[in-house]
Amino acid sequence: MKNIAFYGCGNISQAIIHGLINSGFNSKNIFFLDRNIKNQNKLRKYKIRNLKNNMNTKIDLFILAVKPKDAIQAYKQILKDFKNPKVVSLVAGIKSKKYTSLDSNIEFLRAMPNTSSRFNLGITALLNATFKKTNFSKVATLFKKIGSVISLDKESQMDIFTGTVGSGPAYFFYLLKSFEKKLMKICNDDKKIVNEIIVNLVKGVGVSFENNSDLDNLISAVKSKKGTTEAGLNSFKSDKLNSYFEKGINSAIKRSKEISNDY
């Protein structure tokens, strides 16, 4: 797929665009439509062209990335302005039938990437609705440029993925705030040093998991009987940290389902 157009260019679109360009995708083949002036200015730095000024360009794939409240209207506009468009929706919650009921002949699928796509470490779930097999494969290849891709079978799985992985980076960032707070105290409020420590901490955790994916073994490798790690872990267990964390993820999944009902 040579030319792609982003309809809506907030954080997730910008992350994907950045990742695609990092992977060698030609920025001249990326177009955008966005009303936000700040977003437009950011995209021009990447030499991304405004589709409004290139309406005669053949677009091979549209990526719909607007807010849920604007999604159906934006989709209708794409159908109106372009003949037989192929559309990938990144919009959380809204089910495929909402789109395909407007025109069953259009090739449509849902995708849910996360913001780590910016660094080509993204995770994208694809849920095919009406894409032909060969074209679905091309979409999967496109998203593989920015990280890992998994294919889902049901809309309900997309809700789970959205609440778990799509929102996942924010959960880790939130937990890291506690590390940052403690580290600032022992690093004389030197943010640069603290950032370096946190980066190495996260990278080290990632490499450890890459080499041994058994989480219990990894925990055992750090803790020792009656040691500091065990004390911390016992406190987490007694306070039911896992239950609260899972409750938060379930709330995100629930919200994804609610969005579908809202729109």
Protein backbone atom coordinates (compact mmCIF):
# COMPACT_ATOMS: atom_id res chain seq x y z
CA MET A 1 0.00 0.00 0.00
CA LYS A 2 1.75 3.07 -1.30
CA ASN A 3 -0.29 6.06 -0.12
CA ILE A 4 -1.92 6.22 3.29
CA ALA A 5 -3.98 9.01 4.82
CA PHE A 6 -4.62 9.70 8.49
CA TYR A 7 -8.03 11.16 9.20
CA GLY A 8 -7.32 12.71 12.60
CA CYS A 9 -3.72 13.18 13.77
CA GLY A 10 -3.56 13.17 17.55
CA ASN A 11 -1.02 11.29 19.69
CA ILE A 12 -1.59 7.79 18.33
CA SER A 13 -1.49 8.88 14.67
CA GLN A 14 1.69 10.85 15.29
CA ALA A 15 3.23 7.83 17.04
CA ILE A 16 2.41 5.59 14.05
CA ILE A 17 3.68 8.16 11.55
CA HIS A 18 6.93 8.57 13.46
CA GLY A 19 7.38 4.79 13.61
CA LEU A 20 6.63 4.34 9.92
CA ILE A 21 9.16 6.97 8.92
CA ASN A 22 11.72 5.36 11.26
CA SER A 23 11.11 2.06 9.47
CA GLY A 24 11.90 3.63 6.10
CA PHE A 25 8.36 4.41 4.92
CA ASN A 26 8.50 7.44 2.63
CA SER A 27 6.91 10.50 4.25
CA LYS A 28 5.85 11.68 0.78
CA ASN A 29 3.38 8.80 0.75
CA ILE A 30 1.71 9.86 4.01
CA PHE A 31 -1.16 12.36 4.04
CA PHE A 32 -3.33 13.82 6.78
CA LEU A 33 -6.60 15.55 7.51
CA ASP A 34 -6.81 17.34 10.86
CA ARG A 35 -8.46 20.55 12.02
CA ASN A 36 -6.01 21.09 14.89
CA ILE A 37 -3.41 23.70 13.92
CA LYS A 38 -0.80 22.38 16.39
CA ASN A 39 -1.12 18.90 14.91
CA GLN A 40 -0.81 20.30 11.39
CA ASN A 41 2.38 22.15 12.29
CA LYS A 42 3.92 19.04 13.87
CA LEU A 43 3.16 16.95 10.78
CA ARG A 44 4.64 19.50 8.40
CA LYS A 45 7.98 19.04 10.17
CA TYR A 46 7.87 15.43 8.95
CA LYS A 47 7.03 16.71 5.44
CA ILE A 48 3.60 15.08 5.67
CA ARG A 49 1.16 16.59 3.17
CA ASN A 50 -2.33 17.86 3.87
CA LEU A 51 -4.84 15.76 1.95
CA LYS A 52 -7.05 18.83 1.44
CA ASN A 53 -4.43 20.11 -0.96
CA ASN A 54 -4.01 16.71 -2.65
CA MET A 55 -7.57 15.48 -3.12
CA ASN A 56 -6.79 13.92 -6.50
CA THR A 57 -4.14 11.64 -5.00
CA LYS A 58 -5.06 7.96 -4.98
CA ILE A 59 -5.15 6.88 -1.35
CA ASP A 60 -4.64 3.15 -0.83
CA LEU A 61 -5.55 3.16 2.86
CA PHE A 62 -7.36 5.53 5.20
CA ILE A 63 -6.61 5.39 8.91
CA LEU A 64 -9.48 6.80 10.93
CA ALA A 65 -8.17 8.19 14.23
CA VAL A 66 -10.67 10.72 15.56
CA LYS A 67 -12.54 10.88 18.87
CA PRO A 68 -15.42 8.40 19.21
CA LYS A 69 -18.03 11.17 19.05
CA ASP A 70 -16.69 12.24 15.64
CA ALA A 71 -15.98 8.79 14.19
CA ILE A 72 -19.15 7.99 12.26
CA GLN A 73 -19.41 11.46 10.75
CA ALA A 74 -15.76 11.34 9.71
CA TYR A 75 -16.29 7.89 8.20
CA LYS A 76 -19.28 9.16 6.23
CA GLN A 77 -17.14 12.01 4.93
CA ILE A 78 -14.51 9.58 3.70
CA LEU A 79 -17.18 7.56 1.90
CA LYS A 80 -18.52 10.74 0.35
CA ASP A 81 -15.20 12.19 -0.82
CA PHE A 82 -13.42 9.03 -1.99
CA LYS A 83 -14.48 6.13 -4.16
CA ASN A 84 -14.30 2.64 -2.62
CA PRO A 85 -11.91 3.59 0.21
CA LYS A 86 -10.18 0.98 2.34
CA VAL A 87 -10.53 2.08 5.97
CA VAL A 88 -8.79 1.09 9.19
CA SER A 89 -10.40 2.50 12.33
CA LEU A 90 -8.28 3.17 15.41
CA VAL A 91 -11.30 4.48 17.30
CA ALA A 92 -11.82 2.74 20.65
CA GLY A 93 -15.11 1.06 21.43
CA ILE A 94 -17.15 1.56 18.27
CA LYS A 95 -17.91 -1.80 16.73
CA SER A 96 -17.41 -2.71 13.07
CA LYS A 97 -21.14 -3.02 12.34
CA LYS A 98 -21.61 0.70 13.02
CA TYR A 99 -19.39 1.36 10.02
CA THR A 100 -20.17 -1.53 7.70
CA SER A 101 -23.92 -0.93 8.00
CA LEU A 102 -23.36 2.33 6.12
CA ASP A 103 -21.83 0.52 3.13
CA SER A 104 -21.20 -3.21 3.20
CA ASN A 105 -19.04 -3.06 0.08
CA ILE A 106 -16.29 -1.04 1.72
CA GLU A 107 -13.24 -2.89 3.02
CA PHE A 108 -13.09 -2.11 6.73
CA LEU A 109 -11.21 -3.31 9.79
CA ARG A 110 -10.45 -2.16 13.30
CA ALA A 111 -6.93 -1.73 14.68
CA MET A 112 -5.68 -0.82 18.13
CA PRO A 113 -2.01 0.13 18.35
CA ASN A 114 -0.31 1.71 21.36
CA THR A 115 1.95 4.75 21.61
CA SER A 116 5.14 2.63 21.72
CA SER A 117 4.63 2.42 17.95
CA ARG A 118 6.63 5.66 17.86
CA PHE A 119 9.74 3.65 18.71
CA ASN A 120 8.82 0.64 16.54
CA LEU A 121 7.99 -1.27 19.71
CA GLY A 122 4.24 -1.02 19.37
CA ILE A 123 1.67 -3.76 19.77
CA THR A 124 -1.27 -3.62 17.38
CA ALA A 125 -4.40 -5.75 17.43
CA LEU A 126 -6.27 -6.18 14.14
CA LEU A 127 -9.90 -7.21 13.84
CA ASN A 128 -10.98 -7.82 10.28
CA ALA A 129 -14.53 -7.04 9.22
CA THR A 130 -14.69 -6.91 5.43
CA PHE A 131 -11.11 -6.69 4.15
CA LYS A 132 -10.15 -9.15 1.45
CA LYS A 133 -7.51 -11.63 2.58
CA THR A 134 -4.70 -10.19 0.43
CA ASN A 135 -5.44 -6.62 1.50
CA PHE A 136 -5.70 -7.60 5.15
CA SER A 137 -2.24 -9.13 4.81
CA LYS A 138 -0.94 -5.83 3.42
CA VAL A 139 -2.38 -3.92 6.38
CA ALA A 140 -0.77 -6.38 8.79
CA THR A 141 2.57 -5.89 7.01
CA LEU A 142 2.20 -2.12 7.36
CA PHE A 143 1.62 -2.31 11.11
CA LYS A 144 4.46 -4.79 11.55
CA LYS A 145 6.76 -1.93 10.55
CA ILE A 146 5.98 -0.30 13.90
CA GLY A 147 6.04 -3.39 16.13
CA SER A 148 4.16 -6.62 16.82
CA VAL A 149 0.75 -7.49 15.36
CA ILE A 150 -1.90 -9.90 16.63
CA SER A 151 -5.13 -10.82 14.86
CA LEU A 152 -8.36 -11.01 16.87
CA ASP A 153 -11.54 -12.96 16.13
CA LYS A 154 -14.19 -11.12 18.15
CA GLU A 155 -15.19 -7.54 18.97
CA SER A 156 -15.13 -8.43 22.70
CA GLN A 157 -11.43 -9.28 22.37
CA MET A 158 -10.77 -5.78 21.05
CA ASP A 159 -12.30 -4.29 24.20
CA ILE A 160 -9.96 -6.43 26.33
CA PHE A 161 -6.95 -5.52 24.20
CA THR A 162 -7.82 -1.81 24.30
CA GLY A 163 -8.08 -1.73 28.09
CA THR A 164 -5.01 -3.91 28.63
CA VAL A 165 -2.45 -3.13 25.94
CA GLY A 166 -3.77 -0.01 24.22
CA SER A 167 -3.88 1.77 27.58
CA GLY A 168 -1.03 -0.32 28.99
CA PRO A 169 1.87 2.15 28.66
CA ALA A 170 0.01 4.71 30.79
CA TYR A 171 -0.37 2.18 33.61
CA PHE A 172 3.38 1.61 33.72
CA PHE A 173 4.08 5.34 33.57
CA TYR A 174 1.69 5.82 36.48
CA LEU A 175 3.49 3.18 38.58
CA LEU A 176 6.86 4.69 37.70
CA LYS A 177 5.80 7.95 39.33
CA SER A 178 6.35 6.24 42.71
CA PHE A 179 9.89 5.25 41.69
CA GLU A 180 10.55 8.76 40.45
CA LYS A 181 9.37 10.30 43.72
CA LYS A 182 11.71 8.13 45.82
CA LEU A 183 14.66 8.54 43.47
CA MET A 184 14.37 12.33 43.42
CA LYS A 185 15.01 12.30 47.18
CA ILE A 186 18.29 10.39 46.89
CA CYS A 187 19.45 12.14 43.70
CA ASN A 188 19.16 15.70 45.00
CA ASP A 189 16.21 16.35 42.69
CA ASP A 190 18.42 15.81 39.64
CA LYS A 191 15.80 14.88 37.04
CA LYS A 192 18.42 13.90 34.45
CA ILE A 193 19.99 11.27 36.72
CA VAL A 194 16.57 10.00 37.81
CA ASN A 195 15.47 9.65 34.19
CA GLU A 196 18.61 7.66 33.38
CA ILE A 197 18.00 5.32 36.31
CA ILE A 198 14.37 4.73 35.34
CA VAL A 199 15.28 4.10 31.69
CA ASN A 200 17.86 1.49 32.71
CA LEU A 201 15.42 -0.05 35.19
CA VAL A 202 12.72 -0.48 32.55
CA LYS A 203 15.16 -1.70 29.90
CA GLY A 204 16.62 -4.18 32.37
CA VAL A 205 13.17 -5.55 33.19
CA GLY A 206 12.44 -5.91 29.46
CA VAL A 207 15.67 -7.76 28.74
CA SER A 208 15.17 -10.01 31.76
CA PHE A 209 11.70 -10.98 30.56
CA GLU A 210 13.02 -11.52 27.04
CA ASN A 211 15.51 -14.05 28.37
CA ASN A 212 13.14 -15.75 30.83
CA SER A 213 9.41 -15.25 30.39
CA ASP A 214 8.47 -17.04 33.63
CA LEU A 215 7.46 -14.13 35.88
CA ASP A 216 7.57 -16.15 39.10
CA ASN A 217 11.14 -17.22 38.35
CA LEU A 218 12.12 -13.63 37.65
CA ILE A 219 10.65 -12.52 40.97
CA SER A 220 12.44 -15.33 42.80
CA ALA A 221 15.72 -14.29 41.19
CA VAL A 222 15.45 -10.86 42.85
CA LYS A 223 13.98 -11.64 46.26
CA SER A 224 15.63 -13.47 49.14
CA LYS A 225 14.07 -14.91 52.29
CA LYS A 226 13.37 -12.19 54.89
CA GLY A 227 15.01 -9.63 52.59
CA THR A 228 13.92 -6.17 51.47
CA THR A 229 12.28 -7.41 48.23
CA GLU A 230 10.22 -9.98 50.08
CA ALA A 231 9.08 -7.32 52.55
CA GLY A 232 7.92 -5.09 49.71
CA LEU A 233 6.18 -7.94 47.90
CA ASN A 234 4.44 -9.10 51.09
CA SER A 235 3.12 -5.57 51.58
CA PHE A 236 1.81 -5.51 47.99
CA LYS A 237 0.10 -8.87 48.57
CA SER A 238 -1.48 -7.88 51.89
CA ASP A 239 -2.76 -4.66 50.33
CA LYS A 240 -4.09 -6.67 47.38
CA LEU A 241 -2.20 -4.58 44.85
CA ASN A 242 -2.85 -7.12 42.06
CA SER A 243 -6.60 -6.95 42.67
CA TYR A 244 -6.62 -3.16 42.50
CA PHE A 245 -4.46 -3.18 39.38
CA GLU A 246 -6.76 -5.71 37.70
CA LYS A 247 -9.76 -3.63 38.78
CA GLY A 248 -8.25 -0.65 36.98
CA ILE A 249 -7.73 -2.67 33.79
CA ASN A 250 -11.29 -3.99 34.00
CA SER A 251 -12.55 -0.42 34.32
CA ALA A 252 -10.77 0.46 31.08
CA ILE A 253 -12.27 -2.60 29.35
CA LYS A 254 -15.71 -1.65 30.64
CA ARG A 255 -15.29 1.88 29.30
CA SER A 256 -14.40 0.51 25.88
CA LYS A 257 -17.70 -1.39 25.88
CA GLU A 258 -19.58 1.69 27.09
CA ILE A 259 -18.21 3.78 24.23
CA SER A 260 -19.73 1.29 21.81
CA ASN A 261 -23.12 1.75 23.45
CA ASP A 262 -22.74 5.55 23.59
CA TYR A 263 -22.11 5.86 19.88
